[in-house]
PDB file of all heavy atoms in Angstrom:
ATOM      1  N   SER A   1      -2.824   3.908  -5.645  1.00  0.00           N
ATOM      2  CA  SER A   1      -3.021   5.241  -6.195  1.00  0.00           C
ATOM      3  C   SER A   1      -1.841   6.115  -5.808  1.00  0.00           C
ATOM      4  O   SER A   1      -1.057   5.760  -4.913  1.00  0.00           O
ATOM      5  CB  SER A   1      -4.338   5.851  -5.695  1.00  0.00           C
ATOM      6  OG  SER A   1      -4.326   5.992  -4.291  1.00  0.00           O
ATOM      7  N   ARG A   2      -1.705   7.236  -6.492  1.00  0.00           N
ATOM      8  CA  ARG A   2      -0.610   8.135  -6.136  1.00  0.00           C
ATOM      9  C   ARG A   2      -1.077   9.590  -6.176  1.00  0.00           C
ATOM     10  O   ARG A   2      -1.914   9.964  -6.986  1.00  0.00           O
ATOM     11  CB  ARG A   2       0.606   7.925  -7.047  1.00  0.00           C
ATOM     12  CG  ARG A   2       0.437   8.291  -8.509  1.00  0.00           C
ATOM     13  CD  ARG A   2       1.633   7.784  -9.342  1.00  0.00           C
ATOM     14  NE  ARG A   2       2.890   8.387  -8.919  1.00  0.00           N
ATOM     15  CZ  ARG A   2       4.097   7.888  -9.194  1.00  0.00           C
ATOM     16  NH1 ARG A   2       4.203   6.757  -9.897  1.00  0.00           N
ATOM     17  NH2 ARG A   2       5.188   8.509  -8.774  1.00  0.00           N
ATOM     18  N   ASP A   3      -0.511  10.361  -5.290  1.00  0.00           N
ATOM     19  CA  ASP A   3      -0.734  11.791  -5.233  1.00  0.00           C
ATOM     20  C   ASP A   3       0.634  12.431  -5.351  1.00  0.00           C
ATOM     21  O   ASP A   3       1.352  12.584  -4.359  1.00  0.00           O
ATOM     22  CB  ASP A   3      -1.424  12.188  -3.923  1.00  0.00           C
ATOM     23  CG  ASP A   3      -1.792  13.655  -3.882  1.00  0.00           C
ATOM     24  OD1 ASP A   3      -1.256  14.440  -4.676  1.00  0.00           O
ATOM     25  OD2 ASP A   3      -2.637  14.028  -3.034  1.00  0.00           O
ATOM     26  N   ASN A   4       1.005  12.792  -6.574  1.00  0.00           N
ATOM     27  CA  ASN A   4       2.339  13.317  -6.815  1.00  0.00           C
ATOM     28  C   ASN A   4       2.576  14.665  -6.134  1.00  0.00           C
ATOM     29  O   ASN A   4       3.713  14.997  -5.822  1.00  0.00           O
ATOM     30  CB  ASN A   4       2.607  13.424  -8.319  1.00  0.00           C
ATOM     31  CG  ASN A   4       2.768  12.077  -8.978  1.00  0.00           C
ATOM     32  OD1 ASN A   4       3.295  11.151  -8.382  1.00  0.00           O
ATOM     33  ND2 ASN A   4       2.313  11.968 -10.227  1.00  0.00           N
ATOM     34  N   ALA A   5       1.525  15.421  -5.915  1.00  0.00           N
ATOM     35  CA  ALA A   5       1.650  16.694  -5.218  1.00  0.00           C
ATOM     36  C   ALA A   5       2.125  16.481  -3.788  1.00  0.00           C
ATOM     37  O   ALA A   5       2.732  17.367  -3.184  1.00  0.00           O
ATOM     38  CB  ALA A   5       0.340  17.459  -5.240  1.00  0.00           C
ATOM     39  N   LYS A   6       1.817  15.325  -3.244  1.00  0.00           N
ATOM     40  CA  LYS A   6       2.219  14.993  -1.876  1.00  0.00           C
ATOM     41  C   LYS A   6       3.378  14.000  -1.837  1.00  0.00           C
ATOM     42  O   LYS A   6       3.791  13.574  -0.763  1.00  0.00           O
ATOM     43  CB  LYS A   6       1.043  14.398  -1.099  1.00  0.00           C
ATOM     44  CG  LYS A   6      -0.120  15.365  -0.927  1.00  0.00           C
ATOM     45  CD  LYS A   6      -1.236  14.733  -0.122  1.00  0.00           C
ATOM     46  CE  LYS A   6      -2.374  15.701   0.087  1.00  0.00           C
ATOM     47  NZ  LYS A   6      -3.498  15.081   0.865  1.00  0.00           N
ATOM     48  N   ASN A   7       3.898  13.634  -3.015  1.00  0.00           N
ATOM     49  CA  ASN A   7       4.964  12.633  -3.106  1.00  0.00           C
ATOM     50  C   ASN A   7       4.589  11.376  -2.337  1.00  0.00           C
ATOM     51  O   ASN A   7       5.417  10.805  -1.593  1.00  0.00           O
ATOM     52  CB  ASN A   7       6.283  13.200  -2.579  1.00  0.00           C
ATOM     53  CG  ASN A   7       6.910  14.209  -3.521  1.00  0.00           C
ATOM     54  OD1 ASN A   7       6.489  14.368  -4.660  1.00  0.00           O
ATOM     55  ND2 ASN A   7       7.928  14.910  -3.042  1.00  0.00           N
ATOM     56  N   THR A   8       3.379  10.928  -2.533  1.00  0.00           N
ATOM     57  CA  THR A   8       2.867   9.803  -1.754  1.00  0.00           C
ATOM     58  C   THR A   8       2.098   8.834  -2.634  1.00  0.00           C
ATOM     59  O   THR A   8       1.347   9.246  -3.523  1.00  0.00           O
ATOM     60  CB  THR A   8       1.956  10.295  -0.625  1.00  0.00           C
ATOM     61  OG1 THR A   8       2.687  11.177   0.235  1.00  0.00           O
ATOM     62  CG2 THR A   8       1.458   9.119   0.212  1.00  0.00           C
ATOM     63  N   VAL A   9       2.308   7.557  -2.396  1.00  0.00           N
ATOM     64  CA  VAL A   9       1.541   6.482  -3.009  1.00  0.00           C
ATOM     65  C   VAL A   9       0.806   5.746  -1.912  1.00  0.00           C
ATOM     66  O   VAL A   9       1.335   5.541  -0.815  1.00  0.00           O
ATOM     67  CB  VAL A   9       2.458   5.532  -3.810  1.00  0.00           C
ATOM     68  CG1 VAL A   9       1.729   4.227  -4.143  1.00  0.00           C
ATOM     69  CG2 VAL A   9       2.922   6.201  -5.088  1.00  0.00           C
ATOM     70  N   TYR A  10      -0.413   5.350  -2.217  1.00  0.00           N
ATOM     71  CA  TYR A  10      -1.243   4.658  -1.260  1.00  0.00           C
ATOM     72  C   TYR A  10      -1.568   3.250  -1.722  1.00  0.00           C
ATOM     73  O   TYR A  10      -1.655   2.976  -2.928  1.00  0.00           O
ATOM     74  CB  TYR A  10      -2.553   5.411  -1.034  1.00  0.00           C
ATOM     75  CG  TYR A  10      -2.373   6.845  -0.630  1.00  0.00           C
ATOM     76  CD1 TYR A  10      -2.454   7.867  -1.565  1.00  0.00           C
ATOM     77  CD2 TYR A  10      -2.126   7.170   0.698  1.00  0.00           C
ATOM     78  CE1 TYR A  10      -2.275   9.187  -1.195  1.00  0.00           C
ATOM     79  CE2 TYR A  10      -1.945   8.495   1.088  1.00  0.00           C
ATOM     80  CZ  TYR A  10      -2.029   9.490   0.131  1.00  0.00           C
ATOM     81  OH  TYR A  10      -1.850  10.794   0.515  1.00  0.00           O
ATOM     82  N   LEU A  11      -1.780   2.374  -0.796  1.00  0.00           N
ATOM     83  CA  LEU A  11      -2.291   1.043  -1.073  1.00  0.00           C
ATOM     84  C   LEU A  11      -3.478   0.801  -0.161  1.00  0.00           C
ATOM     85  O   LEU A  11      -3.298   0.568   1.038  1.00  0.00           O
ATOM     86  CB  LEU A  11      -1.220  -0.032  -0.880  1.00  0.00           C
ATOM     87  CG  LEU A  11      -1.639  -1.453  -1.270  1.00  0.00           C
ATOM     88  CD1 LEU A  11      -1.818  -1.546  -2.785  1.00  0.00           C
ATOM     89  CD2 LEU A  11      -0.625  -2.481  -0.801  1.00  0.00           C
ATOM     90  N   GLN A  12      -4.668   0.897  -0.730  1.00  0.00           N
ATOM     91  CA  GLN A  12      -5.884   0.613   0.032  1.00  0.00           C
ATOM     92  C   GLN A  12      -6.107  -0.894   0.011  1.00  0.00           C
ATOM     93  O   GLN A  12      -6.217  -1.486  -1.061  1.00  0.00           O
ATOM     94  CB  GLN A  12      -7.072   1.334  -0.587  1.00  0.00           C
ATOM     95  CG  GLN A  12      -8.389   1.059   0.131  1.00  0.00           C
ATOM     96  CD  GLN A  12      -8.437   1.632   1.520  1.00  0.00           C
ATOM     97  OE1 GLN A  12      -8.055   2.789   1.734  1.00  0.00           O
ATOM     98  NE2 GLN A  12      -8.885   0.842   2.479  1.00  0.00           N
ATOM     99  N   MET A  13      -6.178  -1.491   1.171  1.00  0.00           N
ATOM    100  CA  MET A  13      -6.320  -2.926   1.294  1.00  0.00           C
ATOM    101  C   MET A  13      -7.643  -3.225   1.978  1.00  0.00           C
ATOM    102  O   MET A  13      -7.844  -2.879   3.141  1.00  0.00           O
ATOM    103  CB  MET A  13      -5.163  -3.529   2.074  1.00  0.00           C
ATOM    104  CG  MET A  13      -3.788  -3.155   1.526  1.00  0.00           C
ATOM    105  SD  MET A  13      -2.432  -4.036   2.355  1.00  0.00           S
ATOM    106  CE  MET A  13      -2.609  -3.401   4.013  1.00  0.00           C
ATOM    107  N   ASN A  14      -8.532  -3.874   1.252  1.00  0.00           N
ATOM    108  CA  ASN A  14      -9.842  -4.248   1.773  1.00  0.00           C
ATOM    109  C   ASN A  14      -9.968  -5.763   1.808  1.00  0.00           C
ATOM    110  O   ASN A  14      -9.216  -6.487   1.175  1.00  0.00           O
ATOM    111  CB  ASN A  14     -10.958  -3.657   0.921  1.00  0.00           C
ATOM    112  CG  ASN A  14     -10.945  -2.153   0.890  1.00  0.00           C
ATOM    113  OD1 ASN A  14     -10.614  -1.506   1.881  1.00  0.00           O
ATOM    114  ND2 ASN A  14     -11.345  -1.580  -0.248  1.00  0.00           N
ATOM    115  N   SER A  15     -10.957  -6.223   2.533  1.00  0.00           N
ATOM    116  CA  SER A  15     -11.244  -7.654   2.628  1.00  0.00           C
ATOM    117  C   SER A  15      -9.992  -8.451   2.953  1.00  0.00           C
ATOM    118  O   SER A  15      -9.684  -9.463   2.322  1.00  0.00           O
ATOM    119  CB  SER A  15     -11.878  -8.162   1.331  1.00  0.00           C
ATOM    120  OG  SER A  15     -13.069  -7.472   1.044  1.00  0.00           O
ATOM    121  N   LEU A  16      -9.269  -7.994   3.945  1.00  0.00           N
ATOM    122  CA  LEU A  16      -7.984  -8.601   4.267  1.00  0.00           C
ATOM    123  C   LEU A  16      -8.147 -10.041   4.765  1.00  0.00           C
ATOM    124  O   LEU A  16      -9.110 -10.370   5.456  1.00  0.00           O
ATOM    125  CB  LEU A  16      -7.258  -7.765   5.317  1.00  0.00           C
ATOM    126  CG  LEU A  16      -6.638  -6.481   4.772  1.00  0.00           C
ATOM    127  CD1 LEU A  16      -6.291  -5.518   5.890  1.00  0.00           C
ATOM    128  CD2 LEU A  16      -5.377  -6.805   3.962  1.00  0.00           C
ATOM    129  N   LYS A  17      -7.189 -10.840   4.388  1.00  0.00           N
ATOM    130  CA  LYS A  17      -7.147 -12.257   4.738  1.00  0.00           C
ATOM    131  C   LYS A  17      -5.884 -12.539   5.547  1.00  0.00           C
ATOM    132  O   LYS A  17      -4.917 -11.782   5.507  1.00  0.00           O
ATOM    133  CB  LYS A  17      -7.140 -13.127   3.479  1.00  0.00           C
ATOM    134  CG  LYS A  17      -8.259 -12.857   2.495  1.00  0.00           C
ATOM    135  CD  LYS A  17      -8.073 -13.651   1.219  1.00  0.00           C
ATOM    136  CE  LYS A  17      -9.157 -13.376   0.207  1.00  0.00           C
ATOM    137  NZ  LYS A  17      -8.942 -14.144  -1.053  1.00  0.00           N
ATOM    138  N   SER A  18      -5.902 -13.659   6.250  1.00  0.00           N
ATOM    139  CA  SER A  18      -4.727 -14.009   7.052  1.00  0.00           C
ATOM    140  C   SER A  18      -3.478 -14.139   6.194  1.00  0.00           C
ATOM    141  O   SER A  18      -2.375 -13.815   6.654  1.00  0.00           O
ATOM    142  CB  SER A  18      -4.981 -15.313   7.816  1.00  0.00           C
ATOM    143  OG  SER A  18      -5.258 -16.382   6.933  1.00  0.00           O
ATOM    144  N   GLU A  19      -3.633 -14.583   4.957  1.00  0.00           N
ATOM    145  CA  GLU A  19      -2.488 -14.731   4.078  1.00  0.00           C
ATOM    146  C   GLU A  19      -1.903 -13.418   3.598  1.00  0.00           C
ATOM    147  O   GLU A  19      -0.857 -13.397   2.940  1.00  0.00           O
ATOM    148  CB  GLU A  19      -2.826 -15.627   2.869  1.00  0.00           C
ATOM    149  CG  GLU A  19      -4.088 -15.219   2.134  1.00  0.00           C
ATOM    150  CD  GLU A  19      -5.303 -16.019   2.546  1.00  0.00           C
ATOM    151  OE1 GLU A  19      -5.508 -16.197   3.757  1.00  0.00           O
ATOM    152  OE2 GLU A  19      -6.045 -16.474   1.656  1.00  0.00           O
ATOM    153  N   ASP A  20      -2.564 -12.305   3.916  1.00  0.00           N
ATOM    154  CA  ASP A  20      -2.011 -10.991   3.615  1.00  0.00           C
ATOM    155  C   ASP A  20      -1.005 -10.543   4.677  1.00  0.00           C
ATOM    156  O   ASP A  20      -0.353  -9.519   4.496  1.00  0.00           O
ATOM    157  CB  ASP A  20      -3.123  -9.941   3.503  1.00  0.00           C
ATOM    158  CG  ASP A  20      -4.062 -10.208   2.324  1.00  0.00           C
ATOM    159  OD1 ASP A  20      -3.562 -10.569   1.244  1.00  0.00           O
ATOM    160  OD2 ASP A  20      -5.282 -10.047   2.506  1.00  0.00           O
ATOM    161  N   THR A  21      -0.905 -11.284   5.744  1.00  0.00           N
ATOM    162  CA  THR A  21       0.031 -10.935   6.815  1.00  0.00           C
ATOM    163  C   THR A  21       1.466 -10.952   6.289  1.00  0.00           C
ATOM    164  O   THR A  21       1.925 -11.952   5.735  1.00  0.00           O
ATOM    165  CB  THR A  21      -0.102 -11.913   7.979  1.00  0.00           C
ATOM    166  OG1 THR A  21      -1.400 -11.770   8.575  1.00  0.00           O
ATOM    167  CG2 THR A  21       0.955 -11.632   9.038  1.00  0.00           C
ATOM    168  N   ALA A  22       2.168  -9.839   6.446  1.00  0.00           N
ATOM    169  CA  ALA A  22       3.523  -9.717   5.933  1.00  0.00           C
ATOM    170  C   ALA A  22       4.064  -8.340   6.290  1.00  0.00           C
ATOM    171  O   ALA A  22       3.320  -7.472   6.743  1.00  0.00           O
ATOM    172  CB  ALA A  22       3.551  -9.896   4.409  1.00  0.00           C
ATOM    173  N   ILE A  23       5.336  -8.156   6.072  1.00  0.00           N
ATOM    174  CA  ILE A  23       5.904  -6.820   6.068  1.00  0.00           C
ATOM    175  C   ILE A  23       5.740  -6.274   4.660  1.00  0.00           C
ATOM    176  O   ILE A  23       6.120  -6.925   3.694  1.00  0.00           O
ATOM    177  CB  ILE A  23       7.393  -6.818   6.468  1.00  0.00           C
ATOM    178  CG1 ILE A  23       7.568  -7.375   7.880  1.00  0.00           C
ATOM    179  CG2 ILE A  23       7.961  -5.409   6.387  1.00  0.00           C
ATOM    180  CD1 ILE A  23       9.020  -7.524   8.308  1.00  0.00           C
ATOM    181  N   TYR A  24       5.198  -5.085   4.563  1.00  0.00           N
ATOM    182  CA  TYR A  24       4.952  -4.467   3.262  1.00  0.00           C
ATOM    183  C   TYR A  24       5.989  -3.378   3.005  1.00  0.00           C
ATOM    184  O   TYR A  24       6.228  -2.516   3.856  1.00  0.00           O
ATOM    185  CB  TYR A  24       3.539  -3.874   3.209  1.00  0.00           C
ATOM    186  CG  TYR A  24       2.471  -4.917   3.005  1.00  0.00           C
ATOM    187  CD1 TYR A  24       2.147  -5.816   4.014  1.00  0.00           C
ATOM    188  CD2 TYR A  24       1.789  -5.022   1.785  1.00  0.00           C
ATOM    189  CE1 TYR A  24       1.192  -6.803   3.825  1.00  0.00           C
ATOM    190  CE2 TYR A  24       0.822  -5.992   1.594  1.00  0.00           C
ATOM    191  CZ  TYR A  24       0.529  -6.872   2.609  1.00  0.00           C
ATOM    192  OH  TYR A  24      -0.443  -7.843   2.415  1.00  0.00           O
ATOM    193  N   TYR A  25       6.584  -3.426   1.830  1.00  0.00           N
ATOM    194  CA  TYR A  25       7.602  -2.473   1.439  1.00  0.00           C
ATOM    195  C   TYR A  25       7.150  -1.718   0.202  1.00  0.00           C
ATOM    196  O   TYR A  25       6.555  -2.281  -0.704  1.00  0.00           O
ATOM    197  CB  TYR A  25       8.921  -3.184   1.091  1.00  0.00           C
ATOM    198  CG  TYR A  25       9.519  -4.017   2.186  1.00  0.00           C
ATOM    199  CD1 TYR A  25       9.139  -5.346   2.377  1.00  0.00           C
ATOM    200  CD2 TYR A  25      10.483  -3.466   3.035  1.00  0.00           C
ATOM    201  CE1 TYR A  25       9.709  -6.105   3.384  1.00  0.00           C
ATOM    202  CE2 TYR A  25      11.054  -4.246   4.043  1.00  0.00           C
ATOM    203  CZ  TYR A  25      10.657  -5.561   4.200  1.00  0.00           C
ATOM    204  OH  TYR A  25      11.238  -6.315   5.200  1.00  0.00           O
ATOM    205  N   CYS A  26       7.467  -0.440   0.150  1.00  0.00           N
ATOM    206  CA  CYS A  26       7.299   0.278  -1.091  1.00  0.00           C
ATOM    207  C   CYS A  26       8.679   0.510  -1.700  1.00  0.00           C
ATOM    208  O   CYS A  26       9.692   0.509  -1.013  1.00  0.00           O
ATOM    209  CB  CYS A  26       6.546   1.600  -0.913  1.00  0.00           C
ATOM    210  SG  CYS A  26       7.412   2.900  -0.022  1.00  0.00           S
ATOM    211  N   ALA A  27       8.689   0.673  -3.003  1.00  0.00           N
ATOM    212  CA  ALA A  27       9.933   0.837  -3.730  1.00  0.00           C
ATOM    213  C   ALA A  27       9.710   1.729  -4.940  1.00  0.00           C
ATOM    214  O   ALA A  27       8.615   1.817  -5.465  1.00  0.00           O
ATOM    215  CB  ALA A  27      10.480  -0.522  -4.178  1.00  0.00           C
ATOM    216  N   ALA A  28      10.789   2.391  -5.376  1.00  0.00           N
ATOM    217  CA  ALA A  28      10.724   3.314  -6.496  1.00  0.00           C
ATOM    218  C   ALA A  28      11.656   2.859  -7.612  1.00  0.00           C
ATOM    219  O   ALA A  28      12.779   2.429  -7.354  1.00  0.00           O
ATOM    220  CB  ALA A  28      11.097   4.724  -6.049  1.00  0.00           C
TER     221      ALA A  28
END
């Protein structure tokens, strides 16, 4: 999701699994 008023994008991650382990990067 994004909140442009705050210049912010979110990534809500639920039900996390071991294979989700990583460095997470955002990009524009």
